[in-house]
Amino acid sequence: MKTTSIKTGYLKEHELKQAIVEYIAETDEELAQHLYDNDCSMEWDDDGNFVVSIDGEVEDKEVFPAEGSTTERVEEQVARLNKLAEKEK
């Protein structure tokens, strides 16, 4: 990564891909490996979202796990978001 000032950093495509892979690996190791192994494209859409399109196919996991474990899943997600918020401070 090249830094030109305190406010501006320039990431090369492979550096950004690696950062995304490492971020995804915290919650989904299989998807992170798929991204690492395949080509991808990155762009901003018209709504201002950053979109990463990965070549190849991966089987989607259940959105909601088996009954009784939804609360655990929500608690895990809240814990991950709190961890990210702490890192930003």
PDB file of N, CA and C in Angstrom:
ATOM      1  N   MET A   1       0.843  -1.172   0.000  1.00  0.00           N
ATOM      2  CA  MET A   1       0.000   0.000   0.000  1.00  0.00           C
ATOM      3  C   MET A   1       0.882   1.226   0.000  1.00  0.00           C
ATOM      4  N   LYS A   2       0.544   2.182  -0.804  1.00  0.00           N
ATOM      5  CA  LYS A   2       1.271   3.437  -0.884  1.00  0.00           C
ATOM      6  C   LYS A   2       0.433   4.516  -0.203  1.00  0.00           C
ATOM      7  N   THR A   3       1.037   5.311   0.657  1.00  0.00           N
ATOM      8  CA  THR A   3       0.335   6.392   1.338  1.00  0.00           C
ATOM      9  C   THR A   3       0.913   7.715   0.908  1.00  0.00           C
ATOM     10  N   THR A   4       0.053   8.624   0.436  1.00  0.00           N
ATOM     11  CA  THR A   4       0.534   9.925  -0.030  1.00  0.00           C
ATOM     12  C   THR A   4       0.330  11.020   1.012  1.00  0.00           C
ATOM     13  N   SER A   5      -0.570  10.819   1.941  1.00  0.00           N
ATOM     14  CA  SER A   5      -0.783  11.753   3.036  1.00  0.00           C
ATOM     15  C   SER A   5      -1.501  11.001   4.137  1.00  0.00           C
ATOM     16  N   ILE A   6      -1.741  11.657   5.229  1.00  0.00           N
ATOM     17  CA  ILE A   6      -2.437  11.001   6.337  1.00  0.00           C
ATOM     18  C   ILE A   6      -3.854  10.599   5.922  1.00  0.00           C
ATOM     19  N   LYS A   7      -4.451  11.326   4.986  1.00  0.00           N
ATOM     20  CA  LYS A   7      -5.833  11.092   4.604  1.00  0.00           C
ATOM     21  C   LYS A   7      -6.022  10.169   3.411  1.00  0.00           C
ATOM     22  N   THR A   8      -4.996   9.911   2.640  1.00  0.00           N
ATOM     23  CA  THR A   8      -5.172   9.160   1.405  1.00  0.00           C
ATOM     24  C   THR A   8      -4.266   7.938   1.360  1.00  0.00           C
ATOM     25  N   GLY A   9      -4.855   6.794   1.079  1.00  0.00           N
ATOM     26  CA  GLY A   9      -4.097   5.569   0.878  1.00  0.00           C
ATOM     27  C   GLY A   9      -4.521   4.942  -0.432  1.00  0.00           C
ATOM     28  N   TYR A  10      -3.596   4.341  -1.135  1.00  0.00           N
ATOM     29  CA  TYR A  10      -3.881   3.707  -2.415  1.00  0.00           C
ATOM     30  C   TYR A  10      -3.619   2.213  -2.292  1.00  0.00           C
ATOM     31  N   LEU A  11      -4.654   1.411  -2.541  1.00  0.00           N
ATOM     32  CA  LEU A  11      -4.521  -0.041  -2.484  1.00  0.00           C
ATOM     33  C   LEU A  11      -4.487  -0.592  -3.896  1.00  0.00           C
ATOM     34  N   LYS A  12      -3.584  -1.507  -4.126  1.00  0.00           N
ATOM     35  CA  LYS A  12      -3.581  -2.236  -5.390  1.00  0.00           C
ATOM     36  C   LYS A  12      -4.698  -3.274  -5.327  1.00  0.00           C
ATOM     37  N   GLU A  13      -5.131  -3.742  -6.487  1.00  0.00           N
ATOM     38  CA  GLU A  13      -6.256  -4.676  -6.537  1.00  0.00           C
ATOM     39  C   GLU A  13      -6.006  -5.914  -5.672  1.00  0.00           C
ATOM     40  N   HIS A  14      -4.797  -6.481  -5.746  1.00  0.00           N
ATOM     41  CA  HIS A  14      -4.526  -7.702  -4.972  1.00  0.00           C
ATOM     42  C   HIS A  14      -4.502  -7.410  -3.464  1.00  0.00           C
ATOM     43  N   GLU A  15      -4.121  -6.209  -3.054  1.00  0.00           N
ATOM     44  CA  GLU A  15      -4.132  -5.851  -1.635  1.00  0.00           C
ATOM     45  C   GLU A  15      -5.564  -5.736  -1.118  1.00  0.00           C
ATOM     46  N   LEU A  16      -6.431  -5.137  -1.914  1.00  0.00           N
ATOM     47  CA  LEU A  16      -7.828  -5.008  -1.521  1.00  0.00           C
ATOM     48  C   LEU A  16      -8.494  -6.379  -1.468  1.00  0.00           C
ATOM     49  N   LYS A  17      -8.211  -7.229  -2.454  1.00  0.00           N
ATOM     50  CA  LYS A  17      -8.775  -8.573  -2.459  1.00  0.00           C
ATOM     51  C   LYS A  17      -8.333  -9.337  -1.214  1.00  0.00           C
ATOM     52  N   GLN A  18      -7.057  -9.232  -0.850  1.00  0.00           N
ATOM     53  CA  GLN A  18      -6.553  -9.932   0.331  1.00  0.00           C
ATOM     54  C   GLN A  18      -7.235  -9.423   1.605  1.00  0.00           C
ATOM     55  N   ALA A  19      -7.452  -8.116   1.692  1.00  0.00           N
ATOM     56  CA  ALA A  19      -8.134  -7.545   2.859  1.00  0.00           C
ATOM     57  C   ALA A  19      -9.567  -8.066   2.962  1.00  0.00           C
ATOM     58  N   ILE A  20     -10.244  -8.159   1.831  1.00  0.00           N
ATOM     59  CA  ILE A  20     -11.613  -8.671   1.821  1.00  0.00           C
ATOM     60  C   ILE A  20     -11.630 -10.148   2.201  1.00  0.00           C
ATOM     61  N   VAL A  21     -10.690 -10.924   1.674  1.00  0.00           N
ATOM     62  CA  VAL A  21     -10.597 -12.347   2.015  1.00  0.00           C
ATOM     63  C   VAL A  21     -10.402 -12.511   3.517  1.00  0.00           C
ATOM     64  N   GLU A  22      -9.501 -11.747   4.102  1.00  0.00           N
ATOM     65  CA  GLU A  22      -9.237 -11.857   5.541  1.00  0.00           C
ATOM     66  C   GLU A  22     -10.452 -11.446   6.365  1.00  0.00           C
ATOM     67  N   TYR A  23     -11.182 -10.428   5.915  1.00  0.00           N
ATOM     68  CA  TYR A  23     -12.387  -9.992   6.618  1.00  0.00           C
ATOM     69  C   TYR A  23     -13.460 -11.075   6.565  1.00  0.00           C
ATOM     70  N   ILE A  24     -13.696 -11.636   5.369  1.00  0.00           N
ATOM     71  CA  ILE A  24     -14.718 -12.674   5.217  1.00  0.00           C
ATOM     72  C   ILE A  24     -14.338 -13.929   5.991  1.00  0.00           C
ATOM     73  N   ALA A  25     -13.047 -14.227   6.079  1.00  0.00           N
ATOM     74  CA  ALA A  25     -12.586 -15.437   6.768  1.00  0.00           C
ATOM     75  C   ALA A  25     -12.987 -15.453   8.241  1.00  0.00           C
ATOM     76  N   GLU A  26     -13.207 -14.283   8.823  1.00  0.00           N
ATOM     77  CA  GLU A  26     -13.627 -14.226  10.225  1.00  0.00           C
ATOM     78  C   GLU A  26     -14.990 -14.868  10.445  1.00  0.00           C
ATOM     79  N   THR A  27     -15.840 -14.886   9.401  1.00  0.00           N
ATOM     80  CA  THR A  27     -17.187 -15.422   9.559  1.00  0.00           C
ATOM     81  C   THR A  27     -17.501 -16.590   8.631  1.00  0.00           C
ATOM     82  N   ASP A  28     -16.783 -16.700   7.512  1.00  0.00           N
ATOM     83  CA  ASP A  28     -17.096 -17.754   6.542  1.00  0.00           C
ATOM     84  C   ASP A  28     -15.822 -18.198   5.827  1.00  0.00           C
ATOM     85  N   GLU A  29     -15.155 -19.145   6.401  1.00  0.00           N
ATOM     86  CA  GLU A  29     -13.873 -19.636   5.892  1.00  0.00           C
ATOM     87  C   GLU A  29     -13.994 -20.192   4.469  1.00  0.00           C
ATOM     88  N   GLU A  30     -15.095 -20.892   4.193  1.00  0.00           N
ATOM     89  CA  GLU A  30     -15.287 -21.495   2.865  1.00  0.00           C
ATOM     90  C   GLU A  30     -15.443 -20.421   1.783  1.00  0.00           C
ATOM     91  N   LEU A  31     -16.238 -19.395   2.058  1.00  0.00           N
ATOM     92  CA  LEU A  31     -16.419 -18.318   1.084  1.00  0.00           C
ATOM     93  C   LEU A  31     -15.123 -17.543   0.891  1.00  0.00           C
ATOM     94  N   ALA A  32     -14.383 -17.329   1.965  1.00  0.00           N
ATOM     95  CA  ALA A  32     -13.096 -16.637   1.864  1.00  0.00           C
ATOM     96  C   ALA A  32     -12.137 -17.414   0.972  1.00  0.00           C
ATOM     97  N   GLN A  33     -12.093 -18.722   1.129  1.00  0.00           N
ATOM     98  CA  GLN A  33     -11.220 -19.553   0.298  1.00  0.00           C
ATOM     99  C   GLN A  33     -11.653 -19.491  -1.160  1.00  0.00           C
ATOM    100  N   HIS A  34     -12.973 -19.495  -1.386  1.00  0.00           N
ATOM    101  CA  HIS A  34     -13.491 -19.402  -2.751  1.00  0.00           C
ATOM    102  C   HIS A  34     -13.056 -18.087  -3.402  1.00  0.00           C
ATOM    103  N   LEU A  35     -13.157 -16.985  -2.669  1.00  0.00           N
ATOM    104  CA  LEU A  35     -12.726 -15.691  -3.194  1.00  0.00           C
ATOM    105  C   LEU A  35     -11.228 -15.707  -3.478  1.00  0.00           C
ATOM    106  N   TYR A  36     -10.446 -16.274  -2.574  1.00  0.00           N
ATOM    107  CA  TYR A  36      -8.994 -16.337  -2.738  1.00  0.00           C
ATOM    108  C   TYR A  36      -8.614 -17.125  -3.995  1.00  0.00           C
ATOM    109  N   ASP A  37      -9.332 -18.222  -4.251  1.00  0.00           N
ATOM    110  CA  ASP A  37      -9.001 -19.121  -5.359  1.00  0.00           C
ATOM    111  C   ASP A  37      -9.476 -18.618  -6.726  1.00  0.00           C
ATOM    112  N   ASN A  38     -10.421 -17.693  -6.761  1.00  0.00           N
ATOM    113  CA  ASN A  38     -11.042 -17.286  -8.017  1.00  0.00           C
ATOM    114  C   ASN A  38     -10.809 -15.810  -8.318  1.00  0.00           C
ATOM    115  N   ASP A  39     -10.941 -15.478  -9.601  1.00  0.00           N
ATOM    116  CA  ASP A  39     -10.868 -14.083 -10.014  1.00  0.00           C
ATOM    117  C   ASP A  39     -12.107 -13.345  -9.523  1.00  0.00           C
ATOM    118  N   CYS A  40     -11.970 -12.056  -9.379  1.00  0.00           N
ATOM    119  CA  CYS A  40     -13.119 -11.261  -8.985  1.00  0.00           C
ATOM    120  C   CYS A  40     -13.016  -9.885  -9.620  1.00  0.00           C
ATOM    121  N   SER A  41     -14.139  -9.198  -9.642  1.00  0.00           N
ATOM    122  CA  SER A  41     -14.142  -7.812 -10.095  1.00  0.00           C
ATOM    123  C   SER A  41     -14.761  -6.975  -8.986  1.00  0.00           C
ATOM    124  N   MET A  42     -14.330  -5.725  -8.898  1.00  0.00           N
ATOM    125  CA  MET A  42     -14.802  -4.831  -7.849  1.00  0.00           C
ATOM    126  C   MET A  42     -15.213  -3.523  -8.485  1.00  0.00           C
ATOM    127  N   GLU A  43     -16.367  -3.006  -8.066  1.00  0.00           N
ATOM    128  CA  GLU A  43     -16.840  -1.743  -8.617  1.00  0.00           C
ATOM    129  C   GLU A  43     -17.863  -1.119  -7.674  1.00  0.00           C
ATOM    130  N   TRP A  44     -18.141   0.154  -7.897  1.00  0.00           N
ATOM    131  CA  TRP A  44     -19.186   0.858  -7.162  1.00  0.00           C
ATOM    132  C   TRP A  44     -20.452   0.819  -8.001  1.00  0.00           C
ATOM    133  N   ASP A  45     -21.596   0.530  -7.363  1.00  0.00           N
ATOM    134  CA  ASP A  45     -22.849   0.565  -8.115  1.00  0.00           C
ATOM    135  C   ASP A  45     -23.472   1.958  -8.030  1.00  0.00           C
ATOM    136  N   ASP A  46     -24.615   2.138  -8.667  1.00  0.00           N
ATOM    137  CA  ASP A  46     -25.267   3.449  -8.728  1.00  0.00           C
ATOM    138  C   ASP A  46     -25.765   3.935  -7.373  1.00  0.00           C
ATOM    139  N   ASP A  47     -25.952   3.015  -6.422  1.00  0.00           N
ATOM    140  CA  ASP A  47     -26.430   3.387  -5.085  1.00  0.00           C
ATOM    141  C   ASP A  47     -25.282   3.659  -4.112  1.00  0.00           C
ATOM    142  N   GLY A  48     -24.048   3.596  -4.587  1.00  0.00           N
ATOM    143  CA  GLY A  48     -22.895   3.848  -3.735  1.00  0.00           C
ATOM    144  C   GLY A  48     -22.391   2.636  -2.976  1.00  0.00           C
ATOM    145  N   ASN A  49     -22.868   1.439  -3.331  1.00  0.00           N
ATOM    146  CA  ASN A  49     -22.400   0.208  -2.701  1.00  0.00           C
ATOM    147  C   ASN A  49     -21.154  -0.292  -3.425  1.00  0.00           C
ATOM    148  N   PHE A  50     -20.209  -0.821  -2.666  1.00  0.00           N
ATOM    149  CA  PHE A  50     -19.024  -1.437  -3.247  1.00  0.00           C
ATOM    150  C   PHE A  50     -19.356  -2.902  -3.496  1.00  0.00           C
ATOM    151  N   VAL A  51     -19.257  -3.343  -4.743  1.00  0.00           N
ATOM    152  CA  VAL A  51     -19.685  -4.683  -5.137  1.00  0.00           C
ATOM    153  C   VAL A  51     -18.472  -5.521  -5.518  1.00  0.00           C
ATOM    154  N   VAL A  52     -18.374  -6.715  -4.931  1.00  0.00           N
ATOM    155  CA  VAL A  52     -17.321  -7.669  -5.275  1.00  0.00           C
ATOM    156  C   VAL A  52     -18.013  -8.857  -5.935  1.00  0.00           C
ATOM    157  N   SER A  53     -17.723  -9.082  -7.220  1.00  0.00           N
ATOM    158  CA  SER A  53     -18.289 -10.212  -7.958  1.00  0.00           C
ATOM    159  C   SER A  53     -17.205 -11.273  -8.095  1.00  0.00           C
ATOM    160  N   ILE A  54     -17.521 -12.486  -7.617  1.00  0.00           N
ATOM    161  CA  ILE A  54     -16.550 -13.573  -7.605  1.00  0.00           C
ATOM    162  C   ILE A  54     -16.899 -14.577  -8.690  1.00  0.00           C
ATOM    163  N   ASP A  55     -15.901 -14.983  -9.482  1.00  0.00           N
ATOM    164  CA  ASP A  55     -16.110 -16.026 -10.488  1.00  0.00           C
ATOM    165  C   ASP A  55     -16.395 -17.353  -9.792  1.00  0.00           C
ATOM    166  N   GLY A  56     -17.058 -18.235 -10.514  1.00  0.00           N
ATOM    167  CA  GLY A  56     -17.337 -19.565  -9.978  1.00  0.00           C
ATOM    168  C   GLY A  56     -18.616 -19.575  -9.164  1.00  0.00           C
ATOM    169  N   GLU A  57     -18.952 -20.750  -8.665  1.00  0.00           N
ATOM    170  CA  GLU A  57     -20.169 -20.919  -7.889  1.00  0.00           C
ATOM    171  C   GLU A  57     -19.837 -21.515  -6.537  1.00  0.00           C
ATOM    172  N   VAL A  58     -20.618 -21.117  -5.557  1.00  0.00           N
ATOM    173  CA  VAL A  58     -20.497 -21.669  -4.215  1.00  0.00           C
ATOM    174  C   VAL A  58     -21.913 -21.909  -3.706  1.00  0.00           C
ATOM    175  N   GLU A  59     -22.112 -22.997  -3.005  1.00  0.00           N
ATOM    176  CA  GLU A  59     -23.444 -23.324  -2.509  1.00  0.00           C
ATOM    177  C   GLU A  59     -23.785 -22.418  -1.338  1.00  0.00           C
ATOM    178  N   ASP A  60     -24.951 -21.767  -1.419  1.00  0.00           N
ATOM    179  CA  ASP A  60     -25.398 -20.894  -0.342  1.00  0.00           C
ATOM    180  C   ASP A  60     -25.707 -21.713   0.898  1.00  0.00           C
ATOM    181  N   LYS A  61     -25.388 -21.117   2.047  1.00  0.00           N
ATOM    182  CA  LYS A  61     -25.739 -21.742   3.317  1.00  0.00           C
ATOM    183  C   LYS A  61     -27.136 -21.283   3.701  1.00  0.00           C
ATOM    184  N   GLU A  62     -27.745 -21.991   4.638  1.00  0.00           N
ATOM    185  CA  GLU A  62     -29.060 -21.577   5.113  1.00  0.00           C
ATOM    186  C   GLU A  62     -28.973 -20.182   5.692  1.00  0.00           C
ATOM    187  N   VAL A  63     -29.950 -19.364   5.369  1.00  0.00           N
ATOM    188  CA  VAL A  63     -29.997 -18.022   5.937  1.00  0.00           C
ATOM    189  C   VAL A  63     -30.295 -18.122   7.419  1.00  0.00           C
ATOM    190  N   PHE A  64     -31.251 -18.992   7.768  1.00  0.00           N
ATOM    191  CA  PHE A  64     -31.586 -19.200   9.164  1.00  0.00           C
ATOM    192  C   PHE A  64     -31.260 -20.637   9.527  1.00  0.00           C
ATOM    193  N   PRO A  65     -30.453 -20.832  10.564  1.00  0.00           N
ATOM    194  CA  PRO A  65     -30.116 -22.194  10.972  1.00  0.00           C
ATOM    195  C   PRO A  65     -31.336 -22.916  11.553  1.00  0.00           C
ATOM    196  N   ALA A  66     -31.150 -24.160  11.921  1.00  0.00           N
ATOM    197  CA  ALA A  66     -32.235 -24.967  12.473  1.00  0.00           C
ATOM    198  C   ALA A  66     -32.909 -24.262  13.651  1.00  0.00           C
ATOM    199  N   GLU A  67     -34.169 -24.634  13.893  1.00  0.00           N
ATOM    200  CA  GLU A  67     -34.918 -24.003  14.984  1.00  0.00           C
ATOM    201  C   GLU A  67     -34.148 -24.068  16.290  1.00  0.00           C
ATOM    202  N   GLY A  68     -34.323 -23.025  17.095  1.00  0.00           N
ATOM    203  CA  GLY A  68     -33.690 -23.007  18.403  1.00  0.00           C
ATOM    204  C   GLY A  68     -32.320 -22.373  18.397  1.00  0.00           C
ATOM    205  N   SER A  69     -31.697 -22.255  17.234  1.00  0.00           N
ATOM    206  CA  SER A  69     -30.346 -21.687  17.224  1.00  0.00           C
ATOM    207  C   SER A  69     -30.307 -20.280  16.623  1.00  0.00           C
ATOM    208  N   THR A  70     -31.462 -19.730  16.242  1.00  0.00           N
ATOM    209  CA  THR A  70     -31.504 -18.386  15.668  1.00  0.00           C
ATOM    210  C   THR A  70     -30.972 -17.361  16.653  1.00  0.00           C
ATOM    211  N   THR A  71     -31.338 -17.492  17.917  1.00  0.00           N
ATOM    212  CA  THR A  71     -30.864 -16.555  18.932  1.00  0.00           C
ATOM    213  C   THR A  71     -29.345 -16.580  19.024  1.00  0.00           C
ATOM    214  N   GLU A  72     -28.771 -17.775  19.002  1.00  0.00           N
ATOM    215  CA  GLU A  72     -27.309 -17.895  19.046  1.00  0.00           C
ATOM    216  C   GLU A  72     -26.680 -17.183  17.856  1.00  0.00           C
ATOM    217  N   ARG A  73     -27.262 -17.373  16.687  1.00  0.00           N
ATOM    218  CA  ARG A  73     -26.740 -16.763  15.458  1.00  0.00           C
ATOM    219  C   ARG A  73     -26.779 -15.235  15.555  1.00  0.00           C
ATOM    220  N   VAL A  74     -27.885 -14.704  16.051  1.00  0.00           N
ATOM    221  CA  VAL A  74     -28.014 -13.254  16.218  1.00  0.00           C
ATOM    222  C   VAL A  74     -26.988 -12.757  17.230  1.00  0.00           C
ATOM    223  N   GLU A  75     -26.826 -13.457  18.330  1.00  0.00           N
ATOM    224  CA  GLU A  75     -25.848 -13.065  19.349  1.00  0.00           C
ATOM    225  C   GLU A  75     -24.431 -13.085  18.792  1.00  0.00           C
ATOM    226  N   GLU A  76     -24.112 -14.081  17.955  1.00  0.00           N
ATOM    227  CA  GLU A  76     -22.785 -14.145  17.334  1.00  0.00           C
ATOM    228  C   GLU A  76     -22.563 -12.946  16.419  1.00  0.00           C
ATOM    229  N   GLN A  77     -23.588 -12.595  15.631  1.00  0.00           N
ATOM    230  CA  GLN A  77     -23.465 -11.454  14.725  1.00  0.00           C
ATOM    231  C   GLN A  77     -23.291 -10.154  15.506  1.00  0.00           C
ATOM    232  N   VAL A  78     -24.041  -9.989  16.583  1.00  0.00           N
ATOM    233  CA  VAL A  78     -23.906  -8.787  17.418  1.00  0.00           C
ATOM    234  C   VAL A  78     -22.500  -8.718  18.000  1.00  0.00           C
ATOM    235  N   ALA A  79     -21.976  -9.841  18.455  1.00  0.00           N
ATOM    236  CA  ALA A  79     -20.616  -9.871  19.000  1.00  0.00           C
ATOM    237  C   ALA A  79     -19.594  -9.476  17.936  1.00  0.00           C
ATOM    238  N   ARG A  80     -19.760  -9.973  16.695  1.00  0.00           N
ATOM    239  CA  ARG A  80     -18.839  -9.603  15.609  1.00  0.00           C
ATOM    240  C   ARG A  80     -18.919  -8.112  15.310  1.00  0.00           C
ATOM    241  N   LEU A  81     -20.137  -7.565  15.271  1.00  0.00           N
ATOM    242  CA  LEU A  81     -20.295  -6.132  14.997  1.00  0.00           C
ATOM    243  C   LEU A  81     -19.684  -5.299  16.116  1.00  0.00           C
ATOM    244  N   ASN A  82     -19.860  -5.728  17.362  1.00  0.00           N
ATOM    245  CA  ASN A  82     -19.249  -5.010  18.482  1.00  0.00           C
ATOM    246  C   ASN A  82     -17.726  -5.059  18.408  1.00  0.00           C
ATOM    247  N   LYS A  83     -17.193  -6.195  17.995  1.00  0.00           N
ATOM    248  CA  LYS A  83     -15.737  -6.334  17.831  1.00  0.00           C
ATOM    249  C   LYS A  83     -15.227  -5.370  16.762  1.00  0.00           C
ATOM    250  N   LEU A  84     -15.945  -5.283  15.636  1.00  0.00           N
ATOM    251  CA  LEU A  84     -15.563  -4.358  14.579  1.00  0.00           C
ATOM    252  C   LEU A  84     -15.644  -2.904  15.058  1.00  0.00           C
ATOM    253  N   ALA A  85     -16.689  -2.601  15.820  1.00  0.00           N
ATOM    254  CA  ALA A  85     -16.840  -1.230  16.333  1.00  0.00           C
ATOM    255  C   ALA A  85     -15.681  -0.879  17.263  1.00  0.00           C
ATOM    256  N   GLU A  86     -15.251  -1.828  18.073  1.00  0.00           N
ATOM    257  CA  GLU A  86     -14.119  -1.584  18.979  1.00  0.00           C
ATOM    258  C   GLU A  86     -12.835  -1.325  18.197  1.00  0.00           C
ATOM    259  N   LYS A  87     -12.639  -2.059  17.091  1.00  0.00           N
ATOM    260  CA  LYS A  87     -11.438  -1.873  16.273  1.00  0.00           C
ATOM    261  C   LYS A  87     -11.397  -0.482  15.668  1.00  0.00           C
ATOM    262  N   GLU A  88     -12.578   0.079  15.344  1.00  0.00           N
ATOM    263  CA  GLU A  88     -12.625   1.389  14.701  1.00  0.00           C
ATOM    264  C   GLU A  88     -12.339   2.526  15.673  1.00  0.00           C
ATOM    265  N   LYS A  89     -12.491   2.278  16.963  1.00  0.00           N
ATOM    266  CA  LYS A  89     -12.264   3.342  17.971  1.00  0.00           C
ATOM    267  C   LYS A  89     -10.836   3.681  18.143  1.00  0.00           C
TER     268      LYS A  89
END
